[in-house]
Protein backbone atom coordinates (compact mmCIF):
# COMPACT_ATOMS: atom_id res chain seq x y z
CA MET A 1 108.22 61.15 103.32
CA ALA A 2 110.55 63.90 102.02
CA HIS A 3 112.23 66.19 104.52
CA LYS A 4 110.74 69.70 104.84
CA SER A 5 112.63 72.87 105.80
CA GLY A 6 111.76 76.53 105.66
CA PHE A 7 111.88 80.00 107.13
CA VAL A 8 108.80 81.26 108.96
CA ASN A 9 109.20 84.97 109.64
CA ILE A 10 107.07 86.87 112.15
CA ILE A 11 106.32 90.56 111.54
CA GLY A 12 103.88 93.12 112.95
CA SER A 13 103.51 96.31 114.95
CA PRO A 14 105.35 96.88 118.25
CA ASN A 15 103.88 95.19 121.33
CA VAL A 16 101.36 92.91 119.60
CA GLY A 17 102.91 89.71 121.00
CA LYS A 18 105.34 88.61 118.27
CA SER A 19 108.03 87.56 120.74
CA THR A 20 105.54 85.70 122.94
CA LEU A 21 104.31 83.84 119.85
CA MET A 22 107.87 83.03 118.79
CA ASN A 23 108.67 81.60 122.23
CA GLN A 24 105.46 79.53 122.17
CA LEU A 25 106.24 78.07 118.76
CA ILE A 26 109.81 77.06 119.56
CA GLY A 27 109.12 75.99 123.15
CA GLU A 28 111.99 78.10 124.53
CA LYS A 29 112.34 81.69 125.69
CA LEU A 30 114.73 83.15 123.14
CA SER A 31 113.06 86.53 122.58
CA ILE A 32 112.73 88.86 125.56
CA VAL A 33 109.20 89.96 126.42
CA THR A 34 108.01 93.09 128.22
CA SER A 35 104.86 95.21 128.22
CA LYS A 36 106.74 98.07 126.53
CA ALA A 37 106.76 98.59 122.77
CA GLN A 38 109.96 98.14 120.72
CA THR A 39 111.52 95.69 123.16
CA THR A 40 112.85 93.52 120.31
CA ARG A 41 115.65 95.21 118.36
CA HIS A 42 117.24 92.35 116.42
CA ARG A 43 116.13 89.58 114.12
CA ILE A 44 116.33 86.45 116.24
CA LEU A 45 116.16 82.94 114.80
CA GLY A 46 114.70 80.00 116.70
CA ILE A 47 115.13 76.56 115.14
CA VAL A 48 112.70 73.68 115.68
CA ASN A 49 114.00 70.27 114.62
CA ASP A 50 112.25 66.98 114.02
CA GLU A 51 113.24 63.88 112.08
CA GLU A 52 111.00 64.95 109.19
CA TYR A 53 111.36 68.74 109.27
CA GLN A 54 113.33 71.80 110.35
CA ILE A 55 111.49 75.10 110.83
CA VAL A 56 113.50 78.28 111.27
CA PHE A 57 111.33 80.85 113.02
CA SER A 58 112.37 84.50 112.91
CA ASP A 59 111.29 87.18 115.39
CA THR A 60 111.69 90.77 114.18
CA PRO A 61 111.43 94.28 115.64
CA GLY A 62 107.99 95.89 115.54
CA VAL A 63 107.38 97.88 112.35
CA LEU A 64 107.65 101.60 113.04
CA ASP A 65 108.51 104.98 111.57
CA ALA A 66 112.15 105.74 112.26
CA HIS A 67 113.04 108.49 114.73
CA TYR A 68 116.64 107.38 115.28
CA LYS A 69 119.31 105.77 113.11
CA LEU A 70 118.79 102.74 115.36
CA HIS A 71 115.17 102.49 114.16
CA GLU A 72 116.27 102.63 110.52
CA ASN A 73 118.66 99.77 111.11
CA MET A 74 116.01 97.79 113.01
CA MET A 75 113.66 98.14 110.04
CA ARG A 76 116.30 96.53 107.81
CA PHE A 77 115.74 93.32 109.79
CA VAL A 78 112.02 93.55 108.94
CA THR A 79 112.76 94.16 105.24
CA SER A 80 115.04 91.13 105.06
CA ALA A 81 112.39 89.00 106.79
CA LEU A 82 109.87 89.98 104.11
CA LYS A 83 112.23 88.79 101.38
CA ASP A 84 113.59 85.44 102.56
CA ALA A 85 110.50 83.82 104.12
CA ASP A 86 108.83 80.63 102.96
CA VAL A 87 105.87 81.57 105.18
CA LEU A 88 105.07 85.00 106.64
CA ILE A 89 103.23 85.34 109.94
CA PHE A 90 101.71 88.81 110.19
CA VAL A 91 100.58 89.62 113.75
CA PRO A 92 98.14 92.35 114.64
CA ASP A 93 96.43 92.13 118.02
CA ILE A 94 92.70 92.37 118.70
CA PHE A 95 93.01 96.09 119.52
CA GLU A 96 94.88 97.17 116.40
CA LYS A 97 92.55 99.21 114.18
CA GLU A 98 94.90 100.46 111.50
CA VAL A 99 98.12 99.51 109.75
CA ALA A 100 101.03 100.94 111.71
CA HIS A 101 103.56 101.08 108.86
CA GLN A 102 102.18 101.59 105.36
CA ASP A 103 105.37 100.74 103.45
CA THR A 104 105.60 97.34 105.13
CA PHE A 105 101.93 96.64 104.49
CA LYS A 106 102.29 97.50 100.79
CA LYS A 107 105.03 94.89 100.57
CA LEU A 108 102.70 92.36 102.20
CA GLU A 109 100.01 93.14 99.63
CA LYS A 110 102.42 92.51 96.74
CA THR A 111 104.23 89.42 98.02
CA GLU A 112 103.60 85.93 96.65
CA ILE A 113 104.75 84.34 99.92
CA PRO A 114 101.92 82.62 101.87
CA ILE A 115 100.68 84.86 104.70
CA LEU A 116 99.19 83.61 107.96
CA LEU A 117 97.48 86.58 109.61
CA ILE A 118 97.41 85.85 113.32
CA VAL A 119 95.01 88.00 115.37
CA ASN A 120 96.57 87.86 118.83
CA LYS A 121 95.34 88.60 122.39
CA ILE A 122 91.80 87.35 121.80
CA ASP A 123 91.71 86.42 125.49
CA LEU A 124 91.50 90.18 126.21
CA GLY A 125 88.43 90.87 124.06
CA ASP A 126 84.90 89.58 123.48
CA GLN A 127 83.46 87.66 120.53
CA GLU A 128 82.16 90.77 118.78
CA ARG A 129 85.51 92.55 118.90
CA MET A 130 87.26 89.46 117.56
CA GLU A 131 84.79 89.07 114.67
CA ASN A 132 85.05 92.76 113.76
CA CYS A 133 88.83 92.53 113.84
CA ILE A 134 88.89 89.47 111.59
CA ALA A 135 86.47 91.13 109.13
CA TYR A 136 88.64 94.27 109.04
CA TRP A 137 91.83 92.38 108.21
CA HIS A 138 90.09 90.08 105.73
CA GLU A 139 88.94 93.12 103.76
CA LEU A 140 92.38 94.74 103.96
CA LEU A 141 94.42 91.62 103.11
CA PRO A 142 92.03 89.09 101.51
CA LYS A 143 94.74 86.67 100.36
CA ALA A 144 95.92 86.01 103.93
CA GLU A 145 94.70 83.06 105.99
CA ILE A 146 93.38 84.41 109.30
CA LEU A 147 93.61 82.60 112.62
CA PRO A 148 92.70 84.12 116.02
CA ILE A 149 95.02 83.11 118.86
CA SER A 150 96.22 83.93 122.34
CA ALA A 151 100.00 83.51 122.31
CA LEU A 152 100.18 84.14 126.05
CA GLU A 153 97.61 81.44 126.85
CA GLY A 154 98.75 79.08 124.07
CA PHE A 155 95.27 79.09 122.49
CA ASN A 156 95.08 77.90 118.86
CA ILE A 157 98.84 77.32 118.63
CA GLU A 158 98.31 73.69 117.55
CA PRO A 159 96.25 74.48 114.41
CA LEU A 160 98.77 77.21 113.57
CA TRP A 161 101.57 74.64 113.82
CA LYS A 162 99.66 72.25 111.57
CA ARG A 163 99.19 74.89 108.89
CA ILE A 164 102.85 75.93 109.04
CA LEU A 165 103.95 72.33 108.48
CA GLU A 166 101.63 72.08 105.48
CA LEU A 167 103.08 75.23 103.91
CA ILE A 168 106.77 74.52 104.48
CA PRO A 169 108.49 73.31 101.26
CA GLU A 170 110.55 70.17 100.82
CA ASN A 171 114.18 70.98 101.53
CA PRO A 172 117.15 69.52 103.35
CA PRO A 173 117.88 71.14 106.75
CA TYR A 174 119.55 74.55 106.66
CA TYR A 175 121.19 74.17 110.08
CA ASP A 176 122.66 71.35 112.14
CA LYS A 177 119.81 69.43 113.78
CA GLU A 178 121.27 70.12 117.22
CA GLU A 179 121.09 73.91 116.80
CA LEU A 180 118.43 75.95 118.61
CA THR A 181 119.42 79.39 117.29
CA ASP A 182 122.04 81.20 115.22
CA ARG A 183 122.90 83.59 118.06
CA PRO A 184 125.80 83.13 120.53
CA MET A 185 125.34 82.79 124.29
CA ARG A 186 126.59 86.33 124.95
CA PHE A 187 123.76 87.76 122.85
CA PHE A 188 121.06 86.10 124.95
CA ILE A 189 122.71 87.13 128.20
CA SER A 190 122.80 90.75 127.07
CA GLU A 191 119.12 90.48 126.07
CA MET A 192 118.15 89.10 129.49
CA ILE A 193 119.85 92.05 131.17
CA ARG A 194 118.15 94.46 128.77
CA GLU A 195 114.78 92.89 129.55
CA LYS A 196 115.27 93.72 133.24
CA ILE A 197 116.14 97.30 132.33
CA PHE A 198 112.84 97.53 130.47
CA THR A 199 110.90 96.22 133.45
CA ASN A 200 112.68 98.32 136.10
CA TYR A 201 112.89 101.77 134.48
CA ARG A 202 110.37 104.17 132.96
CA LYS A 203 110.02 106.49 129.99
CA GLU A 204 113.04 106.92 127.71
CA ILE A 205 115.63 105.16 129.89
CA PRO A 206 115.20 101.58 128.53
CA TYR A 207 115.27 102.82 124.93
CA ALA A 208 118.50 104.76 125.49
CA THR A 209 120.37 101.71 126.80
CA GLN A 210 122.42 99.01 125.12
CA VAL A 211 124.00 96.02 126.87
CA GLU A 212 127.27 94.35 125.91
CA VAL A 213 128.77 91.28 127.58
CA GLU A 214 132.42 92.22 128.03
CA SER A 215 133.61 88.90 129.46
CA TYR A 216 132.18 85.40 129.91
CA LYS A 217 134.34 82.94 131.85
CA GLU A 218 133.06 79.45 132.53
CA GLU A 219 134.65 77.75 135.53
CA GLU A 220 133.87 74.30 136.92
CA GLU A 221 131.31 75.49 139.50
CA ILE A 222 130.33 78.94 138.25
CA ILE A 223 130.14 81.23 135.22
CA ARG A 224 131.56 84.72 135.74
CA ILE A 225 130.01 87.43 133.56
CA ARG A 226 130.92 91.08 133.27
CA ALA A 227 128.47 93.25 131.31
CA ILE A 228 128.39 96.92 130.36
CA ILE A 229 125.16 98.94 130.22
CA TYR A 230 125.64 101.84 127.81
CA VAL A 231 123.54 105.00 128.10
CA GLU A 232 123.56 108.24 126.12
CA ARG A 233 123.86 110.84 128.90
CA LYS A 234 125.39 111.23 132.38
CA THR A 235 121.95 111.85 133.91
CA GLN A 236 120.79 108.48 132.56
CA LYS A 237 123.80 106.81 134.16
CA GLY A 238 122.73 108.11 137.57
CA ILE A 239 119.17 106.85 137.04
CA ILE A 240 120.37 103.39 136.02
CA ILE A 241 122.62 103.10 139.09
CA GLY A 242 120.01 104.55 141.46
CA HIS A 243 120.41 105.76 145.03
CA GLU A 244 123.29 103.88 146.68
CA GLY A 245 123.36 101.53 143.68
CA LYS A 246 120.02 99.95 144.60
CA LYS A 247 118.45 100.06 141.12
CA ILE A 248 121.32 98.44 139.25
CA LYS A 249 121.64 95.86 142.02
CA GLN A 250 117.99 94.90 141.49
CA VAL A 251 118.55 94.56 137.75
CA GLY A 252 121.56 92.34 138.44
CA ILE A 253 119.65 90.08 140.85
CA GLU A 254 116.73 89.59 138.43
CA ALA A 255 118.95 89.07 135.40
CA ARG A 256 121.23 86.61 137.20
CA LYS A 257 118.25 84.39 138.10
CA ASP A 258 117.14 84.20 134.46
CA ILE A 259 120.67 83.61 133.20
CA GLU A 260 121.16 80.76 135.71
CA LYS A 261 118.01 79.09 134.38
CA PHE A 262 119.21 79.53 130.81
CA VAL A 263 122.75 78.18 131.34
CA ASP A 264 121.76 75.71 134.10
CA LYS A 265 124.68 76.76 136.27
CA LYS A 266 125.52 79.20 139.06
CA VAL A 267 126.34 82.69 137.77
CA HIS A 268 128.30 85.62 139.16
CA LEU A 269 127.16 88.75 137.31
CA GLU A 270 128.86 92.15 137.44
CA LEU A 271 127.16 95.17 135.85
CA PHE A 272 128.82 98.47 134.99
CA VAL A 273 127.36 101.62 133.41
CA LYS A 274 129.14 103.72 130.79
CA VAL A 275 128.10 106.81 128.83
CA ASP A 276 128.33 106.48 125.04
CA ASP A 277 127.09 109.81 123.68
CA ASN A 278 124.30 109.59 121.11
CA TRP A 279 124.99 105.95 120.22
CA ARG A 280 121.52 105.54 118.65
CA GLN A 281 122.42 108.00 115.89
CA ASN A 282 125.96 106.80 115.18
CA GLU A 283 126.24 104.31 112.31
CA LYS A 284 129.64 102.96 113.39
CA LYS A 285 128.52 102.43 117.00
CA LEU A 286 125.33 100.73 115.83
CA GLU A 287 127.39 98.41 113.66
CA ASN A 288 129.59 97.56 116.65
CA PHE A 289 126.45 96.71 118.64
CA GLY A 290 125.22 94.36 115.90
CA TYR A 291 122.64 96.60 114.23
């Protein structure tokens, strides 16, 4: 049997479960997951290897209308995912009643790439809602194959896997068979810290923050990590730190536990907060942060 390899790119609105689906498909938590929209900011690759195939899954930011330069740059990741896929997974959830980003949907309508339309979160609705949702998307995008799933519960992931394997073309592997992702360790550590910011703070604060791992030193018994949390204003710095430093300490404790699981080693994590005025609108700063 010939070896199969291909890119399977996941797109959809914010907060529909794309990252949860990605993590289910690759069997590892690479994409951070929170209940807040726009948690994912980058295009993250997760590589699944087998003797007979290599599938490169790609998680992308939720499609949205840009309000900041950051959003414009995030949407470039979505645009690239629409162009280089061998299979596109388009994810609405069972509650989505209209297309969130018309330009992206028009590109879906025109593409010749196979589309698997995955209606997610069916565990949160009844049979009638699911059927109405499937009928709506079938009328809107008739060429797509539709499959209802629950990414959180792992429901219908197996038939989705089977269909992906059928659609992937014959190719040699694109990456070394030992690779799990194209991202460095520092990236995932910064994402784990950012996830805890999303779960511990409200309103605009998580969206105004960026995390950068300043140093990563691996010793025999412990890994020492120093990370900077950037905010846009001095008032946000005070909120991140919290009264007597309690809020940032909580973020550090929660993030350290996840990092220790990820690296399978004891971790000493230091967090610092710096103000970087208006970084979301500055092209050079966004480039430095990997956007």
